[in-house]
């Protein structure tokens, strides 16, 4: 009787461990999903932030061109021709290059956050799978323990007869096996 109770309690413990591991994995998956949502927001903010920086940079470019024109006019030069036009074109080209670098950096930052979000989602998926496997393992362990109660017990001095004997367990199993 003690053996039966110990086996039943062991089986319950196995199930409880599986359920607890599954619950822990669900919590880990939930945290990873939240981290993925945060990474998605950061990716969006990286692009939005670069748009604001781009507008600021373009205003600075316009102010620089305005100062260049004012200096040219104060010096008596035509700001739309000759070397002054070349200076303004060079300033404009350099400003556009700065805008391109700004956009590229924002795209890289956003991409990094997107990769991070994907990694978090994969982590959540792996945690959920691990939890399900742990719970299934708990149930299988419990089932195996309970099945061990149904197995015939033998002492070390007795031997189990094999094929061709009058063992009813073997004959029943063999008949069922052949019937497949």
C-alpha atoms as a PDB file:
ATOM      1  CA  UNK A   1       0.000   0.000   0.000  1.00  0.00           C
ATOM      2  CA  UNK A   2       2.870   2.364   0.802  1.00  0.00           C
ATOM      3  CA  UNK A   3       4.378   1.715  -2.610  1.00  0.00           C
ATOM      4  CA  UNK A   4       1.093   2.596  -4.299  1.00  0.00           C
ATOM      5  CA  UNK A   5       0.778   5.875  -2.368  1.00  0.00           C
ATOM      6  CA  UNK A   6       4.399   6.785  -3.050  1.00  0.00           C
ATOM      7  CA  UNK A   7       3.921   6.114  -6.754  1.00  0.00           C
ATOM      8  CA  UNK A   8       0.709   8.159  -6.886  1.00  0.00           C
ATOM      9  CA  UNK A   9       2.315  11.060  -5.003  1.00  0.00           C
ATOM     10  CA  UNK A  10       5.375  10.872  -7.249  1.00  0.00           C
ATOM     11  CA  UNK A  11       3.096  10.990 -10.277  1.00  0.00           C
ATOM     12  CA  UNK A  12       1.277  14.041  -8.928  1.00  0.00           C
ATOM     13  CA  UNK A  13       4.606  15.713  -8.242  1.00  0.00           C
ATOM     14  CA  UNK A  14       5.688  15.021 -11.802  1.00  0.00           C
ATOM     15  CA  UNK A  15       2.503  16.597 -13.170  1.00  0.00           C
ATOM     16  CA  UNK A  16       2.875  19.620 -10.872  1.00  0.00           C
ATOM     17  CA  UNK A  17       6.473  20.139 -12.011  1.00  0.00           C
ATOM     18  CA  UNK A  18       5.370  20.047 -15.636  1.00  0.00           C
ATOM     19  CA  UNK A  19       2.571  22.545 -15.012  1.00  0.00           C
ATOM     20  CA  UNK A  20       4.896  24.854 -13.051  1.00  0.00           C
ATOM     21  CA  UNK A  21       7.505  24.733 -15.830  1.00  0.00           C
ATOM     22  CA  UNK A  22       4.796  25.511 -18.382  1.00  0.00           C
ATOM     23  CA  UNK A  23       3.595  28.497 -16.339  1.00  0.00           C
ATOM     24  CA  UNK A  24       7.158  29.803 -16.025  1.00  0.00           C
ATOM     25  CA  UNK A  25       7.647  29.421 -19.776  1.00  0.00           C
ATOM     26  CA  UNK A  26       4.403  31.312 -20.426  1.00  0.00           C
ATOM     27  CA  UNK A  27       5.637  34.171 -18.232  1.00  0.00           C
ATOM     28  CA  UNK A  28       8.963  34.210 -20.088  1.00  0.00           C
ATOM     29  CA  UNK A  29       7.126  34.235 -23.426  1.00  0.00           C
ATOM     30  CA  UNK A  30       4.934  37.106 -22.258  1.00  0.00           C
ATOM     31  CA  UNK A  31       7.984  39.156 -21.263  1.00  0.00           C
ATOM     32  CA  UNK A  32       9.658  38.435 -24.593  1.00  0.00           C
ATOM     33  CA  UNK A  33       6.507  39.481 -26.482  1.00  0.00           C
ATOM     34  CA  UNK A  34       6.440  42.755 -24.525  1.00  0.00           C
ATOM     35  CA  UNK A  35      10.098  43.336 -25.375  1.00  0.00           C
ATOM     36  CA  UNK A  36       9.263  42.711 -29.041  1.00  0.00           C
ATOM     37  CA  UNK A  37       6.496  45.344 -28.917  1.00  0.00           C
ATOM     38  CA  UNK A  38       8.937  47.819 -27.362  1.00  0.00           C
ATOM     39  CA  UNK A  39      11.507  47.082 -30.079  1.00  0.00           C
ATOM     40  CA  UNK A  40       8.824  47.686 -32.737  1.00  0.00           C
ATOM     41  CA  UNK A  41       8.021  51.064 -31.174  1.00  0.00           C
ATOM     42  CA  UNK A  42      11.716  51.945 -31.073  1.00  0.00           C
ATOM     43  CA  UNK A  43      12.040  51.081 -34.772  1.00  0.00           C
ATOM     44  CA  UNK A  44       9.152  53.409 -35.596  1.00  0.00           C
ATOM     45  CA  UNK A  45      10.551  56.179 -33.392  1.00  0.00           C
ATOM     46  CA  UNK A  46      13.958  55.909 -35.060  1.00  0.00           C
ATOM     47  CA  UNK A  47      12.371  56.763 -38.411  1.00  0.00           C
ATOM     48  CA  UNK A  48      10.165  59.521 -36.950  1.00  0.00           C
ATOM     49  CA  UNK A  49      13.130  61.041 -35.136  1.00  0.00           C
ATOM     50  CA  UNK A  50      15.151  61.134 -38.331  1.00  0.00           C
ATOM     51  CA  UNK A  51      12.329  62.979 -40.116  1.00  0.00           C
ATOM     52  CA  UNK A  52      12.484  65.705 -37.474  1.00  0.00           C
ATOM     53  CA  UNK A  53      16.276  65.842 -37.748  1.00  0.00           C
ATOM     54  CA  UNK A  54      16.000  66.038 -41.531  1.00  0.00           C
ATOM     55  CA  UNK A  55      13.658  69.026 -41.306  1.00  0.00           C
ATOM     56  CA  UNK A  56      16.044  70.723 -38.874  1.00  0.00           C
ATOM     57  CA  UNK A  57      19.016  70.066 -41.180  1.00  0.00           C
ATOM     58  CA  UNK A  58      17.149  71.433 -44.212  1.00  0.00           C
ATOM     59  CA  UNK A  59      16.296  74.630 -42.267  1.00  0.00           C
ATOM     60  CA  UNK A  60      19.972  75.015 -41.414  1.00  0.00           C
ATOM     61  CA  UNK A  61      20.864  74.540 -45.087  1.00  0.00           C
ATOM     62  CA  UNK A  62      18.383  77.259 -46.092  1.00  0.00           C
ATOM     63  CA  UNK A  63      19.769  79.609 -43.442  1.00  0.00           C
ATOM     64  CA  UNK A  64      23.323  78.978 -44.691  1.00  0.00           C
ATOM     65  CA  UNK A  65      22.301  79.743 -48.273  1.00  0.00           C
ATOM     66  CA  UNK A  66      20.577  82.900 -47.086  1.00  0.00           C
ATOM     67  CA  UNK A  67      23.741  84.033 -45.290  1.00  0.00           C
ATOM     68  CA  UNK A  68      25.824  83.225 -48.375  1.00  0.00           C
ATOM     69  CA  UNK A  69      23.515  85.345 -50.557  1.00  0.00           C
ATOM     70  CA  UNK A  70      23.587  88.197 -48.035  1.00  0.00           C
ATOM     71  CA  UNK A  71      27.398  88.151 -47.923  1.00  0.00           C
ATOM     72  CA  UNK A  72      27.551  88.086 -51.725  1.00  0.00           C
ATOM     73  CA  UNK A  73      25.090  90.975 -52.029  1.00  0.00           C
ATOM     74  CA  UNK A  74      26.963  93.016 -49.391  1.00  0.00           C
ATOM     75  CA  UNK A  75      30.152  92.451 -51.345  1.00  0.00           C
ATOM     76  CA  UNK A  76      28.532  93.555 -54.553  1.00  0.00           C
ATOM     77  CA  UNK A  77      28.613  90.090 -56.144  1.00  0.00           C
ATOM     78  CA  UNK A  78      25.837  88.378 -58.084  1.00  0.00           C
ATOM     79  CA  UNK A  79      24.783  85.458 -55.881  1.00  0.00           C
ATOM     80  CA  UNK A  80      23.121  83.591 -58.759  1.00  0.00           C
ATOM     81  CA  UNK A  81      26.146  83.422 -61.078  1.00  0.00           C
ATOM     82  CA  UNK A  82      29.809  82.570 -61.127  1.00  0.00           C
ATOM     83  CA  UNK A  83      31.729  81.374 -58.116  1.00  0.00           C
ATOM     84  CA  UNK A  84      28.959  82.390 -55.663  1.00  0.00           C
ATOM     85  CA  UNK A  85      26.530  80.075 -57.472  1.00  0.00           C
ATOM     86  CA  UNK A  86      29.178  77.344 -57.359  1.00  0.00           C
ATOM     87  CA  UNK A  87      29.625  77.872 -53.590  1.00  0.00           C
ATOM     88  CA  UNK A  88      25.865  77.653 -53.043  1.00  0.00           C
ATOM     89  CA  UNK A  89      25.603  74.517 -55.198  1.00  0.00           C
ATOM     90  CA  UNK A  90      28.445  72.891 -53.238  1.00  0.00           C
ATOM     91  CA  UNK A  91      26.758  73.806 -49.941  1.00  0.00           C
ATOM     92  CA  UNK A  92      23.446  72.408 -51.175  1.00  0.00           C
ATOM     93  CA  UNK A  93      25.107  69.158 -52.345  1.00  0.00           C
ATOM     94  CA  UNK A  94      26.892  68.743 -49.020  1.00  0.00           C
ATOM     95  CA  UNK A  95      23.635  69.367 -47.175  1.00  0.00           C
ATOM     96  CA  UNK A  96      21.852  66.730 -49.273  1.00  0.00           C
ATOM     97  CA  UNK A  97      24.667  64.305 -48.537  1.00  0.00           C
ATOM     98  CA  UNK A  98      24.170  64.978 -44.812  1.00  0.00           C
ATOM     99  CA  UNK A  99      20.446  64.285 -45.244  1.00  0.00           C
ATOM    100  CA  UNK A 100      21.245  60.990 -47.000  1.00  0.00           C
ATOM    101  CA  UNK A 101      23.592  59.954 -44.187  1.00  0.00           C
ATOM    102  CA  UNK A 102      20.908  60.881 -41.652  1.00  0.00           C
ATOM    103  CA  UNK A 103      18.305  58.755 -43.457  1.00  0.00           C
ATOM    104  CA  UNK A 104      20.706  55.827 -43.805  1.00  0.00           C
ATOM    105  CA  UNK A 105      21.595  55.922 -40.104  1.00  0.00           C
ATOM    106  CA  UNK A 106      17.906  56.013 -39.168  1.00  0.00           C
ATOM    107  CA  UNK A 107      17.185  53.071 -41.471  1.00  0.00           C
ATOM    108  CA  UNK A 108      20.030  51.082 -39.881  1.00  0.00           C
ATOM    109  CA  UNK A 109      18.828  51.927 -36.383  1.00  0.00           C
ATOM    110  CA  UNK A 110      15.264  50.968 -37.282  1.00  0.00           C
ATOM    111  CA  UNK A 111      16.451  47.718 -38.866  1.00  0.00           C
ATOM    112  CA  UNK A 112      18.409  46.887 -35.703  1.00  0.00           C
ATOM    113  CA  UNK A 113      15.283  47.307 -33.601  1.00  0.00           C
ATOM    114  CA  UNK A 114      13.286  45.201 -36.061  1.00  0.00           C
ATOM    115  CA  UNK A 115      15.857  42.400 -35.799  1.00  0.00           C
ATOM    116  CA  UNK A 116      15.756  42.704 -32.029  1.00  0.00           C
ATOM    117  CA  UNK A 117      11.936  42.419 -32.122  1.00  0.00           C
ATOM    118  CA  UNK A 118      12.161  39.307 -34.280  1.00  0.00           C
ATOM    119  CA  UNK A 119      14.661  37.783 -31.857  1.00  0.00           C
ATOM    120  CA  UNK A 120      12.306  38.470 -28.952  1.00  0.00           C
ATOM    121  CA  UNK A 121       9.412  36.854 -30.824  1.00  0.00           C
ATOM    122  CA  UNK A 122      11.557  33.792 -31.546  1.00  0.00           C
ATOM    123  CA  UNK A 123      12.525  33.673 -27.861  1.00  0.00           C
ATOM    124  CA  UNK A 124       8.842  33.783 -26.896  1.00  0.00           C
ATOM    125  CA  UNK A 125       8.034  30.976 -29.316  1.00  0.00           C
ATOM    126  CA  UNK A 126      10.869  28.829 -27.954  1.00  0.00           C
ATOM    127  CA  UNK A 127       9.730  29.473 -24.368  1.00  0.00           C
ATOM    128  CA  UNK A 128       6.173  28.417 -25.183  1.00  0.00           C
ATOM    129  CA  UNK A 129       7.427  25.236 -26.871  1.00  0.00           C
ATOM    130  CA  UNK A 130       9.679  24.481 -23.907  1.00  0.00           C
ATOM    131  CA  UNK A 131       6.766  24.923 -21.517  1.00  0.00           C
ATOM    132  CA  UNK A 132       4.523  22.614 -23.521  1.00  0.00           C
ATOM    133  CA  UNK A 133       7.294  20.017 -23.673  1.00  0.00           C
ATOM    134  CA  UNK A 134       7.888  20.259 -19.918  1.00  0.00           C
ATOM    135  CA  UNK A 135       4.197  19.805 -19.209  1.00  0.00           C
ATOM    136  CA  UNK A 136       3.976  16.859 -21.595  1.00  0.00           C
ATOM    137  CA  UNK A 137       7.051  15.352 -19.928  1.00  0.00           C
ATOM    138  CA  UNK A 138       5.371  15.712 -16.543  1.00  0.00           C
ATOM    139  CA  UNK A 139       2.274  13.907 -17.743  1.00  0.00           C
ATOM    140  CA  UNK A 140       4.292  11.179 -19.443  1.00  0.00           C
ATOM    141  CA  UNK A 141       6.405  10.719 -16.313  1.00  0.00           C
ATOM    142  CA  UNK A 142       3.270  10.465 -14.203  1.00  0.00           C
ATOM    143  CA  UNK A 143       1.758   7.961 -16.611  1.00  0.00           C
ATOM    144  CA  UNK A 144       4.900   5.847 -16.594  1.00  0.00           C
ATOM    145  CA  UNK A 145       4.930   5.831 -12.783  1.00  0.00           C
ATOM    146  CA  UNK A 146       1.298   4.793 -12.643  1.00  0.00           C
ATOM    147  CA  UNK A 147       1.815   2.111 -15.259  1.00  0.00           C
ATOM    148  CA  UNK A 148       4.603   0.666 -13.162  1.00  0.00           C
ATOM    149  CA  UNK A 149       1.932  -0.203 -10.571  1.00  0.00           C
ATOM    150  CA  UNK A 150       0.168  -2.399 -13.113  1.00  0.00           C
ATOM    151  CA  UNK A 151       3.313  -4.332 -14.032  1.00  0.00           C
ATOM    152  CA  UNK A 152       3.597  -7.746 -12.438  1.00  0.00           C
ATOM    153  CA  UNK A 153       6.121  -7.857  -9.628  1.00  0.00           C
ATOM    154  CA  UNK A 154       8.648 -10.634  -9.382  1.00  0.00           C
ATOM    155  CA  UNK A 155      11.280 -11.393  -6.863  1.00  0.00           C
ATOM    156  CA  UNK A 156      14.843 -11.879  -7.918  1.00  0.00           C
ATOM    157  CA  UNK A 157      14.559 -15.665  -7.456  1.00  0.00           C
ATOM    158  CA  UNK A 158      11.685 -16.014  -9.935  1.00  0.00           C
ATOM    159  CA  UNK A 159      12.116 -15.851 -13.676  1.00  0.00           C
ATOM    160  CA  UNK A 160       9.633 -14.732 -16.289  1.00  0.00           C
ATOM    161  CA  UNK A 161       8.876 -17.343 -18.862  1.00  0.00           C
ATOM    162  CA  UNK A 162       9.072 -16.330 -22.469  1.00  0.00           C
ATOM    163  CA  UNK A 163       7.526 -17.549 -25.745  1.00  0.00           C
ATOM    164  CA  UNK A 164       5.896 -20.913 -25.827  1.00  0.00           C
ATOM    165  CA  UNK A 165       4.861 -20.930 -22.185  1.00  0.00           C
ATOM    166  CA  UNK A 166       1.618 -20.752 -20.309  1.00  0.00           C
ATOM    167  CA  UNK A 167       2.219 -17.162 -19.145  1.00  0.00           C
ATOM    168  CA  UNK A 168      -1.206 -15.469 -19.576  1.00  0.00           C
ATOM    169  CA  UNK A 169       0.259 -11.928 -19.792  1.00  0.00           C
ATOM    170  CA  UNK A 170       2.613 -12.905 -22.558  1.00  0.00           C
ATOM    171  CA  UNK A 171      -0.044 -14.844 -24.481  1.00  0.00           C
ATOM    172  CA  UNK A 172      -2.483 -11.921 -24.244  1.00  0.00           C
ATOM    173  CA  UNK A 173       0.168  -9.463 -25.416  1.00  0.00           C
ATOM    174  CA  UNK A 174       1.322 -11.746 -28.228  1.00  0.00           C
ATOM    175  CA  UNK A 175      -2.234 -12.248 -29.486  1.00  0.00           C
ATOM    176  CA  UNK A 176      -2.850  -8.505 -29.487  1.00  0.00           C
ATOM    177  CA  UNK A 177       0.486  -7.847 -31.182  1.00  0.00           C
ATOM    178  CA  UNK A 178      -0.178 -10.374 -33.934  1.00  0.00           C
ATOM    179  CA  UNK A 179      -3.617  -8.880 -34.516  1.00  0.00           C
ATOM    180  CA  UNK A 180      -2.216  -5.531 -35.613  1.00  0.00           C
END
